[in-house]
Amino acid sequence: MRALQLTEPGRLELREVPTPEPGPGQLLIRVGASGICHSDLHVLHLPFKVREEPLTLGHEIAGTVAALGPHVEGREIGDRGLIYLCWSCGICPECASGNENVCRAAGRTAMPPCPGLGPDGGMAEYVVVPATSFVPIGDMDFVAAAPLADAALTSYHAIRGARDQLRPGATAVVIGAGGLGHVGIQILRALSPVRVVAVDSDPGKLELAAECGAHEGLPAGDDTAARILEMTGGRGAEAVFDFVGVDATARLSVECVGPNGAYRMIGLGDGDPGITAGPAGGPGLPWGATVRKSYGGTRRDLIDSVALAREGRILARTEQFALADGARAYALLEQGRIRGRAVLVP
């Protein structure tokens, strides 16, 4: 089969590799579509090999069950679905509580094995996955469904974790209206009565944010925090979701979140929010505000995201590429030229 693989740090190659065979408790998935995430760019630019042998990338996977491994029950060849990206142990206290994304078997890093980051991912014609990771999607289009596996999952989880702040009359700020942010805006509109304010440095992405239901759009700049404070009577937003995570957006999040508000770190930009234990006031983190680093989501979050999509309440905007054009799609994403989500089709 063909697979888009990371062969050296920074080097992608489309290679011919053996088609994998499912083992006990596994499924062989014929890939229908695989999304490209900014975290894939992060993996691409790591200065070291993720593993010694070439790694097939891709953790947003939609496809069809092509074969069943031994001891698999409840699935049939031809079933259509998404692959939940946190391949957790399923038996530890966190997994038993429904918190598979922070599985105890993964230690303090709390990142269970993920396709495309250790195990081979879905930027290929076939991929082997745990049967427990399969989430049915019915007759949904694979290209539309694939981004739900991360762009919707991660957004939904972060928003669900701030639900106490998402009351009528509240303001939620979404920083970054790209692959995740534009879906997050739709989830906020679907699940809560809040006013949504989108922030982005790209006018085109602010247009996308408006299409997705944002009530206001603000260009990122030196006065953005002041404008948000003005819009909220000087108090700040009840919730801030940072889908970028660089220094500037992390500081903006602290400066514009309100007392008892929720600041959720989602983007992987390695930003420093500059939080101290000093008295609250000025641009610092206000009293009662919470900060949470939000990773992925739970299997239930993915099931709920699929339900929203099947009801027509959320829709990831996509740009489709052939698997052979994967390197070009990565380059366009890095240049900020993808509107919504880039999706590879074998």
Protein backbone atom coordinates (compact mmCIF):
# COMPACT_ATOMS: atom_id res chain seq x y z
CA MET A 1 0.00 0.00 0.00
CA ARG A 2 0.99 3.67 -0.22
CA ALA A 3 1.75 5.61 2.96
CA LEU A 4 2.90 9.19 3.64
CA GLN A 5 5.78 8.71 6.05
CA LEU A 6 8.16 10.77 8.12
CA THR A 7 11.52 9.25 7.20
CA GLU A 8 13.85 11.81 8.77
CA PRO A 9 13.21 14.96 10.82
CA GLY A 10 11.48 17.37 8.43
CA ARG A 11 11.29 14.89 5.54
CA LEU A 12 8.03 13.44 4.16
CA GLU A 13 7.96 10.65 1.57
CA LEU A 14 5.15 8.76 -0.14
CA ARG A 15 6.35 5.14 0.13
CA GLU A 16 5.21 1.66 -0.80
CA VAL A 17 4.95 -0.43 2.37
CA PRO A 18 3.36 -3.78 3.27
CA THR A 19 -0.36 -3.65 4.04
CA PRO A 20 -0.67 -4.36 7.78
CA GLU A 21 -2.67 -7.25 9.19
CA PRO A 22 -4.90 -6.86 12.27
CA GLY A 23 -3.93 -8.75 15.39
CA PRO A 24 -6.12 -9.79 18.35
CA GLY A 25 -8.58 -7.04 19.24
CA GLN A 26 -7.68 -4.97 16.18
CA LEU A 27 -9.36 -3.76 13.00
CA LEU A 28 -7.90 -3.16 9.57
CA ILE A 29 -9.36 0.13 8.30
CA ARG A 30 -9.47 1.08 4.63
CA VAL A 31 -8.83 4.80 4.96
CA GLY A 32 -11.40 7.08 3.37
CA ALA A 33 -9.83 10.37 4.50
CA SER A 34 -7.20 11.64 6.92
CA GLY A 35 -7.00 15.20 8.23
CA ILE A 36 -3.82 17.23 8.70
CA CYS A 37 -3.44 19.00 12.05
CA HIS A 38 -1.01 21.68 13.23
CA SER A 39 0.33 19.08 15.66
CA ASP A 40 1.39 17.09 12.58
CA LEU A 41 3.56 20.08 11.65
CA HIS A 42 4.97 19.96 15.17
CA VAL A 43 5.91 16.28 14.67
CA LEU A 44 7.37 17.04 11.24
CA HIS A 45 9.73 19.63 12.70
CA LEU A 46 10.92 17.70 15.74
CA PRO A 47 14.74 17.68 15.66
CA PHE A 48 14.85 13.95 16.41
CA LYS A 49 13.23 10.77 15.09
CA VAL A 50 9.95 9.80 16.75
CA ARG A 51 11.00 6.18 16.18
CA GLU A 52 13.81 4.48 14.28
CA GLU A 53 11.73 3.17 11.38
CA PRO A 54 9.70 5.51 9.11
CA LEU A 55 6.44 6.66 10.70
CA THR A 56 3.12 6.93 8.85
CA LEU A 57 1.53 10.19 10.00
CA GLY A 58 -2.12 11.07 10.58
CA HIS A 59 -4.43 10.95 13.60
CA GLU A 60 -7.69 12.23 12.08
CA ILE A 61 -8.87 9.03 10.43
CA ALA A 62 -12.18 8.12 8.80
CA GLY A 63 -12.70 4.86 6.95
CA THR A 64 -14.28 1.46 6.53
CA VAL A 65 -13.62 -1.79 8.38
CA ALA A 66 -11.79 -4.01 5.89
CA ALA A 67 -10.87 -6.94 8.15
CA LEU A 68 -11.33 -8.08 11.75
CA GLY A 69 -8.58 -9.45 13.95
CA PRO A 70 -9.18 -12.36 16.32
CA HIS A 71 -11.48 -11.81 19.31
CA VAL A 72 -13.21 -8.72 17.86
CA GLU A 73 -16.93 -8.54 18.55
CA GLY A 74 -19.57 -6.00 17.66
CA ARG A 75 -17.98 -4.87 14.37
CA GLU A 76 -18.57 -6.00 10.80
CA ILE A 77 -16.64 -5.64 7.56
CA GLY A 78 -18.02 -2.57 5.82
CA ASP A 79 -18.78 -0.60 9.00
CA ARG A 80 -17.98 3.10 8.52
CA GLY A 81 -16.46 5.18 11.30
CA LEU A 82 -13.86 7.45 12.87
CA ILE A 83 -10.87 6.40 14.92
CA TYR A 84 -10.66 7.80 18.46
CA LEU A 85 -7.07 9.00 18.79
CA CYS A 86 -6.33 8.19 22.45
CA TRP A 87 -5.41 4.49 22.50
CA SER A 88 -5.69 4.17 26.27
CA CYS A 89 -5.49 1.06 28.45
CA GLY A 90 -9.24 1.05 29.18
CA ILE A 91 -8.90 -0.36 32.71
CA CYS A 92 -7.14 2.22 34.91
CA PRO A 93 -9.15 4.52 37.23
CA GLU A 94 -9.01 7.41 34.74
CA CYS A 95 -10.22 5.26 31.85
CA ALA A 96 -12.92 3.72 34.04
CA SER A 97 -14.07 7.26 34.86
CA GLY A 98 -14.28 8.17 31.17
CA ASN A 99 -11.04 10.19 31.13
CA GLU A 100 -9.24 8.10 28.52
CA ASN A 101 -7.24 11.12 27.30
CA VAL A 102 -5.27 11.17 30.58
CA CYS A 103 -4.87 7.39 30.93
CA ARG A 104 -2.69 6.43 33.91
CA ALA A 105 -0.76 3.92 31.83
CA ALA A 106 0.78 6.90 30.01
CA GLY A 107 2.46 8.17 33.19
CA ARG A 108 2.85 11.84 34.01
CA THR A 109 2.89 12.85 30.35
CA ALA A 110 -0.72 11.56 30.29
CA MET A 111 -0.60 11.10 26.50
CA PRO A 112 -1.78 7.61 25.55
CA PRO A 113 -0.46 6.12 22.28
CA CYS A 114 -1.83 8.07 19.32
CA PRO A 115 -1.84 7.06 15.64
CA GLY A 116 0.79 9.00 13.74
CA LEU A 117 2.83 9.54 16.90
CA GLY A 118 4.38 6.17 17.72
CA PRO A 119 1.90 3.76 16.10
CA ASP A 120 1.42 4.22 12.36
CA GLY A 121 -1.35 6.67 11.46
CA GLY A 122 -3.95 7.10 8.78
CA MET A 123 -2.15 8.95 5.96
CA ALA A 124 -2.14 5.70 4.04
CA GLU A 125 -4.47 3.37 2.21
CA TYR A 126 -4.90 1.13 5.27
CA VAL A 127 -4.24 1.37 9.00
CA VAL A 128 -4.54 -1.08 11.90
CA VAL A 129 -6.34 0.26 14.98
CA PRO A 130 -7.69 -1.06 18.29
CA ALA A 131 -11.30 -2.19 17.83
CA THR A 132 -12.20 -0.13 20.91
CA SER A 133 -11.15 3.08 19.10
CA PHE A 134 -13.80 2.74 16.37
CA VAL A 135 -16.70 5.23 16.52
CA PRO A 136 -19.50 4.70 13.94
CA ILE A 137 -20.49 7.59 11.67
CA GLY A 138 -23.24 6.03 9.57
CA ASP A 139 -23.38 7.47 6.06
CA MET A 140 -21.35 10.63 6.78
CA ASP A 141 -18.93 11.70 4.07
CA PHE A 142 -15.39 10.67 5.02
CA VAL A 143 -13.81 14.03 4.11
CA ALA A 144 -16.31 15.92 6.28
CA ALA A 145 -16.01 13.37 9.10
CA ALA A 146 -12.22 13.01 9.40
CA PRO A 147 -11.57 16.41 11.10
CA LEU A 148 -14.06 15.51 13.83
CA ALA A 149 -11.47 13.05 15.19
CA ASP A 150 -9.37 15.94 16.51
CA ALA A 151 -10.63 19.37 15.43
CA ALA A 152 -14.05 18.67 16.92
CA LEU A 153 -12.92 16.27 19.68
CA THR A 154 -10.34 18.66 21.13
CA SER A 155 -12.57 21.72 20.81
CA TYR A 156 -15.54 19.95 22.37
CA HIS A 157 -13.47 18.73 25.31
CA ALA A 158 -12.05 22.17 26.07
CA ILE A 159 -15.49 23.80 25.83
CA ARG A 160 -17.15 21.11 27.94
CA GLY A 161 -14.49 21.70 30.60
CA ALA A 162 -15.58 25.36 30.86
CA ARG A 163 -19.34 24.74 30.83
CA ASP A 164 -19.92 26.42 34.20
CA GLN A 165 -18.82 29.74 32.67
CA LEU A 166 -20.95 29.43 29.52
CA ARG A 167 -24.14 30.97 30.86
CA PRO A 168 -26.60 33.36 29.20
CA GLY A 169 -25.06 36.81 28.87
CA ALA A 170 -21.49 35.48 29.06
CA THR A 171 -18.74 36.19 26.55
CA ALA A 172 -16.45 33.51 25.15
CA VAL A 173 -13.29 34.51 23.27
CA VAL A 174 -11.90 32.15 20.63
CA ILE A 175 -8.30 32.96 19.73
CA GLY A 176 -7.38 31.46 16.36
CA ALA A 177 -10.10 30.63 13.82
CA GLY A 178 -8.14 27.97 11.99
CA GLY A 179 -8.55 24.21 11.83
CA LEU A 180 -9.71 23.81 15.43
CA GLY A 181 -10.97 27.30 16.20
CA HIS A 182 -13.56 27.46 13.43
CA VAL A 183 -15.06 24.20 14.69
CA GLY A 184 -14.86 25.43 18.29
CA ILE A 185 -16.94 28.48 17.37
CA GLN A 186 -19.66 26.23 15.99
CA ILE A 187 -19.61 24.00 19.07
CA LEU A 188 -19.96 27.05 21.33
CA ARG A 189 -22.96 28.21 19.32
CA ALA A 190 -24.49 24.73 19.37
CA LEU A 191 -24.06 24.12 23.10
CA SER A 192 -24.34 27.51 24.80
CA PRO A 193 -26.09 30.89 24.69
CA VAL A 194 -22.88 32.93 24.96
CA ARG A 195 -21.62 35.79 22.82
CA VAL A 196 -18.65 34.50 20.78
CA VAL A 197 -15.77 36.86 19.98
CA ALA A 198 -13.20 35.55 17.49
CA VAL A 199 -9.61 36.86 17.39
CA ASP A 200 -7.20 36.23 14.53
CA SER A 201 -4.41 38.01 12.67
CA ASP A 202 -5.74 36.79 9.30
CA PRO A 203 -8.75 38.70 7.88
CA GLY A 204 -9.76 35.63 5.89
CA LYS A 205 -10.01 33.56 9.05
CA LEU A 206 -12.11 36.26 10.71
CA GLU A 207 -14.46 35.96 7.72
CA LEU A 208 -14.56 32.20 8.30
CA ALA A 209 -15.28 32.81 11.99
CA ALA A 210 -18.27 34.96 11.06
CA GLU A 211 -19.53 32.24 8.71
CA CYS A 212 -19.28 29.79 11.60
CA GLY A 213 -21.38 31.96 13.91
CA ALA A 214 -19.01 34.32 15.74
CA HIS A 215 -20.87 37.43 16.86
CA GLU A 216 -17.77 39.63 16.74
CA GLY A 217 -14.38 39.42 15.05
CA LEU A 218 -11.29 41.28 16.26
CA PRO A 219 -7.92 41.48 14.52
CA ALA A 220 -5.07 40.44 16.79
CA GLY A 221 -3.03 43.44 17.89
CA ASP A 222 -1.72 45.48 20.77
CA ASP A 223 -5.19 46.79 21.64
CA THR A 224 -7.12 43.51 21.44
CA ALA A 225 -7.24 42.91 25.19
CA ALA A 226 -8.42 46.49 25.78
CA ARG A 227 -11.17 46.06 23.20
CA ILE A 228 -12.38 42.86 24.83
CA LEU A 229 -12.39 44.54 28.24
CA GLU A 230 -14.38 47.42 26.77
CA MET A 231 -16.90 44.98 25.29
CA THR A 232 -17.33 43.29 28.68
CA GLY A 233 -17.70 46.39 30.86
CA GLY A 234 -14.10 46.27 32.00
CA ARG A 235 -14.45 42.83 33.63
CA GLY A 236 -13.21 40.45 30.96
CA ALA A 237 -14.58 37.36 29.23
CA GLU A 238 -16.08 34.47 31.14
CA ALA A 239 -14.15 32.00 28.97
CA VAL A 240 -11.11 32.26 26.70
CA PHE A 241 -10.09 29.41 24.39
CA ASP A 242 -6.58 29.80 22.98
CA PHE A 243 -6.27 27.60 19.88
CA VAL A 244 -2.84 29.06 19.01
CA GLY A 245 -0.77 28.98 22.18
CA VAL A 246 2.15 31.30 21.33
CA ASP A 247 3.48 33.94 23.74
CA ALA A 248 1.25 36.71 22.38
CA THR A 249 -1.98 34.70 22.53
CA ALA A 250 -1.16 33.24 25.95
CA ARG A 251 -0.62 36.75 27.36
CA LEU A 252 -3.78 37.99 25.64
CA SER A 253 -5.73 35.17 27.28
CA VAL A 254 -4.55 36.20 30.74
CA GLU A 255 -5.22 39.87 30.06
CA CYS A 256 -8.79 39.42 28.85
CA VAL A 257 -10.19 36.60 30.99
CA GLY A 258 -12.47 37.79 33.78
CA PRO A 259 -12.59 36.98 37.52
CA ASN A 260 -13.77 33.38 38.05
CA GLY A 261 -13.30 32.94 34.31
CA ALA A 262 -11.88 29.96 32.41
CA TYR A 263 -8.68 30.18 30.38
CA ARG A 264 -8.11 27.04 28.33
CA MET A 265 -4.74 26.33 26.70
CA ILE A 266 -5.31 24.27 23.55
CA GLY A 267 -2.78 25.36 20.91
CA LEU A 268 0.73 23.90 21.08
CA GLY A 269 2.71 27.07 20.42
CA ASP A 270 4.78 26.76 23.63
CA GLY A 271 3.58 30.19 24.76
CA ASP A 272 4.30 31.62 28.21
CA PRO A 273 1.24 33.34 29.77
CA GLY A 274 3.39 35.00 32.43
CA ILE A 275 1.20 33.91 35.34
CA THR A 276 2.53 34.73 38.80
CA ALA A 277 1.34 34.21 42.37
CA GLY A 278 1.21 37.94 43.00
CA PRO A 279 -1.95 39.89 43.86
CA ALA A 280 -4.49 39.98 41.05
CA GLY A 281 -4.98 43.22 39.16
CA GLY A 282 -3.95 45.03 36.04
CA PRO A 283 -3.02 42.68 33.19
CA GLY A 284 -2.38 39.70 35.50
CA LEU A 285 -4.57 36.66 36.00
CA PRO A 286 -7.64 37.82 37.98
CA TRP A 287 -8.92 36.24 41.18
CA GLY A 288 -10.75 32.97 40.72
CA ALA A 289 -9.73 32.44 37.11
CA THR A 290 -8.74 28.89 36.23
CA VAL A 291 -6.13 27.74 33.73
CA ARG A 292 -6.29 24.30 32.16
CA LYS A 293 -4.07 22.64 29.58
CA SER A 294 -6.54 20.69 27.52
CA TYR A 295 -5.37 17.60 25.60
CA GLY A 296 -7.54 15.79 23.07
CA GLY A 297 -10.78 14.60 24.55
CA THR A 298 -12.66 11.56 25.76
CA ARG A 299 -14.31 8.91 23.63
CA ARG A 300 -17.64 10.35 24.75
CA ASP A 301 -16.57 13.78 23.48
CA LEU A 302 -16.01 12.25 20.04
CA ILE A 303 -19.36 10.46 20.08
CA ASP A 304 -21.09 13.73 21.00
CA SER A 305 -19.18 15.62 18.28
CA VAL A 306 -20.29 13.08 15.68
CA ALA A 307 -23.88 13.50 16.86
CA LEU A 308 -23.66 17.29 16.43
CA ALA A 309 -22.24 16.84 12.93
CA ARG A 310 -24.90 14.34 11.91
CA GLU A 311 -27.56 16.80 13.09
CA GLY A 312 -26.00 19.48 10.87
CA ARG A 313 -25.02 21.68 13.81
CA ILE A 314 -21.27 21.65 13.11
CA LEU A 315 -19.39 21.29 9.83
CA ALA A 316 -15.62 21.38 9.39
CA ARG A 317 -14.62 23.41 6.35
CA THR A 318 -12.17 21.31 4.36
CA GLU A 319 -9.71 21.49 1.48
CA GLN A 320 -9.18 18.11 -0.14
CA PHE A 321 -5.84 16.77 -1.41
CA ALA A 322 -4.74 13.46 -2.88
CA LEU A 323 -2.43 11.42 -0.68
CA ALA A 324 0.32 11.96 -3.25
CA ASP A 325 -0.01 15.73 -2.68
CA GLY A 326 0.46 15.39 1.07
CA ALA A 327 3.77 17.27 1.18
CA ARG A 328 2.20 20.22 -0.67
CA ALA A 329 -0.75 20.24 1.75
CA TYR A 330 1.67 20.38 4.68
CA ALA A 331 3.48 23.31 3.08
CA LEU A 332 0.25 25.22 2.50
CA LEU A 333 -0.82 24.63 6.10
CA GLU A 334 2.50 25.93 7.38
CA GLN A 335 2.11 29.03 5.20
CA GLY A 336 -1.34 29.69 6.69
CA ARG A 337 -3.02 29.12 3.33
CA ILE A 338 -5.51 26.43 4.36
CA ARG A 339 -9.06 27.59 5.05
CA GLY A 340 -10.37 25.25 7.70
CA ARG A 341 -8.88 21.74 7.56
CA ALA A 342 -6.67 20.05 4.94
CA VAL A 343 -7.78 16.47 4.33
CA LEU A 344 -5.87 13.77 2.43
CA VAL A 345 -7.75 11.15 0.39
CA PRO A 346 -5.91 7.96 -0.65
